[in-house]
Protein backbone atom coordinates (compact mmCIF):
# COMPACT_ATOMS: atom_id res chain seq x y z
CA MET A 1 -2.00 -3.74 -4.58
CA MET A 2 0.42 -5.07 -7.28
CA ILE A 3 -0.68 -6.60 -10.31
CA VAL A 4 1.83 -8.81 -12.23
CA ASN A 5 1.64 -10.18 -15.57
CA PHE A 6 3.96 -13.14 -16.64
CA GLU A 7 4.60 -14.06 -20.16
CA LEU A 8 6.18 -17.08 -21.57
CA THR A 9 7.73 -17.37 -25.25
CA ILE A 10 9.16 -20.56 -26.88
CA LEU A 11 10.98 -19.41 -30.09
CA ARG A 12 11.92 -22.53 -32.36
CA THR A 13 12.82 -21.93 -35.91
CA PRO A 14 15.07 -24.69 -37.79
CA ARG A 15 18.33 -23.03 -36.42
CA LEU A 16 17.23 -21.84 -33.54
CA GLN A 17 15.19 -22.50 -30.34
CA GLY A 18 15.02 -21.01 -27.09
CA GLU A 19 12.55 -19.22 -24.29
CA GLY A 20 12.56 -16.32 -22.25
CA SER A 21 9.90 -14.63 -20.07
CA SER A 22 9.56 -11.06 -18.90
CA VAL A 23 7.28 -10.10 -15.67
CA HIS A 24 4.84 -6.61 -16.41
CA SER A 25 4.45 -4.87 -13.21
CA THR A 26 3.36 -1.51 -11.82
CA PHE A 27 6.48 0.84 -9.82
CA GLN A 28 4.52 0.20 -6.70
CA LEU A 29 6.50 -2.79 -5.73
CA GLY A 30 6.41 -1.72 -1.97
CA THR A 31 5.25 0.14 1.12
CA HIS A 32 4.51 3.70 -0.25
CA LEU A 33 2.10 6.58 0.65
CA ASP A 34 -0.16 7.68 -2.01
CA GLY A 35 -1.20 11.19 -1.81
CA LEU A 36 -4.73 12.83 -0.87
CA ASN A 37 -5.36 13.18 -4.14
CA HIS A 38 -6.29 9.38 -4.05
CA LEU A 39 -8.96 9.98 -2.05
CA GLN A 40 -11.96 10.64 -3.59
CA ILE A 41 -15.69 10.08 -3.87
CA GLY A 42 -17.27 10.62 -7.49
CA ASN A 43 -15.81 14.12 -8.51
CA GLN A 44 -14.94 15.10 -4.97
CA CYS A 45 -11.57 14.74 -3.89
CA TYR A 46 -10.02 15.38 -0.27
CA ASN A 47 -10.67 18.90 0.93
CA GLY A 48 -13.83 20.02 -1.65
CA PHE A 49 -11.36 19.98 -4.45
CA ALA A 50 -13.12 18.39 -7.79
CA LEU A 51 -11.49 15.65 -9.62
CA ASP A 52 -11.41 18.01 -13.02
CA GLU A 53 -10.47 20.96 -11.85
CA ILE A 54 -6.88 19.43 -10.30
CA ALA A 55 -6.43 16.45 -13.09
CA GLU A 56 -3.54 17.13 -15.68
CA GLU A 57 -2.28 15.06 -18.23
CA TRP A 58 0.73 14.15 -15.84
CA GLY A 59 -1.41 13.56 -12.50
CA THR A 60 -2.89 16.38 -10.52
CA ASN A 61 -1.95 20.17 -10.03
CA LYS A 62 -2.26 19.77 -5.91
CA LEU A 63 -2.69 17.06 -3.20
CA GLY A 64 0.52 15.18 -4.68
CA MET A 65 3.30 13.54 -2.43
CA GLU A 66 5.14 16.53 -3.54
CA THR A 67 3.99 18.58 -0.67
CA VAL A 68 4.66 16.22 2.03
CA PRO A 69 8.15 17.01 3.70
CA GLN A 70 10.60 13.99 4.64
CA ILE A 71 8.96 11.73 7.57
CA ILE A 72 11.11 10.78 10.55
CA THR A 73 9.23 9.19 12.89
CA ARG A 74 9.30 6.10 15.38
CA GLY A 75 7.54 3.29 13.90
CA VAL A 76 4.92 0.73 16.36
CA LEU A 77 4.76 -2.53 14.62
CA LEU A 78 1.45 -4.36 15.85
CA ASP A 79 1.32 -7.80 15.35
CA ILE A 80 -2.58 -8.45 14.58
CA ALA A 81 -2.04 -11.97 13.10
CA SER A 82 -0.13 -12.70 16.51
CA VAL A 83 -3.00 -11.43 18.56
CA LYS A 84 -5.41 -12.90 16.47
CA LYS A 85 -3.27 -16.77 16.96
CA VAL A 86 -3.39 -16.89 13.19
CA SER A 87 -0.36 -16.81 10.75
CA ARG A 88 -2.43 -14.46 8.40
CA LEU A 89 -5.51 -12.76 8.86
CA LYS A 90 -8.67 -13.82 6.51
CA LYS A 91 -9.12 -11.82 3.51
CA GLY A 92 -11.70 -8.75 4.43
CA TYR A 93 -10.73 -9.21 7.97
CA VAL A 94 -11.01 -5.85 9.90
CA ILE A 95 -8.96 -4.76 12.36
CA THR A 96 -11.05 -3.20 15.39
CA VAL A 97 -9.57 -0.92 18.47
CA SER A 98 -9.57 -4.58 20.75
CA ASP A 99 -7.48 -5.78 18.53
CA VAL A 100 -5.30 -2.47 18.75
CA GLU A 101 -5.06 -2.42 22.30
CA ALA A 102 -4.40 -6.04 22.67
CA ALA A 103 -1.51 -5.71 20.52
CA LEU A 104 -0.21 -2.94 22.61
CA GLU A 105 -0.38 -4.61 25.70
CA LYS A 106 1.15 -8.23 24.27
CA GLU A 107 3.72 -5.75 23.54
CA SER A 108 3.78 -3.22 26.41
CA SER A 109 3.59 -0.63 24.06
CA ALA A 110 1.71 2.61 23.41
CA VAL A 111 0.94 4.68 20.59
CA GLN A 112 2.02 8.75 21.01
CA ARG A 113 1.74 11.67 19.03
CA GLY A 114 3.33 11.30 16.08
CA ASP A 115 3.98 7.55 16.02
CA ALA A 116 3.72 5.72 12.29
CA VAL A 117 1.64 2.50 13.19
CA LEU A 118 2.38 -0.34 11.02
CA PHE A 119 -0.14 -3.41 11.09
CA HIS A 120 1.42 -7.04 10.80
CA THR A 121 -1.30 -9.32 9.43
CA GLY A 122 0.47 -12.06 8.08
């Protein structure tokens, strides 16, 4: 999710007139991987770690992306919007196994162990 705030400032003085704008957002502007430290229910994190035991001022001391090696693999793009014959899936639509199977059949493709599967939703 990207949060963008837009701000417009209009400056008017007897000698100077002008306007300026700025955009403020998070650094997560595109596709990215979240570390396993983002997976939690209450104080319970992935693999049994307690959030209050791994949280630091600067982030977490376990489960971060710095522990993940480079990922080089084949990508498979599944056009689910096309399978459903829409330009964009409705907000909240849950992609089903049947949707995945239909997309694979339409593209005459298959998912293999180690593939990165990407879903086009519109």
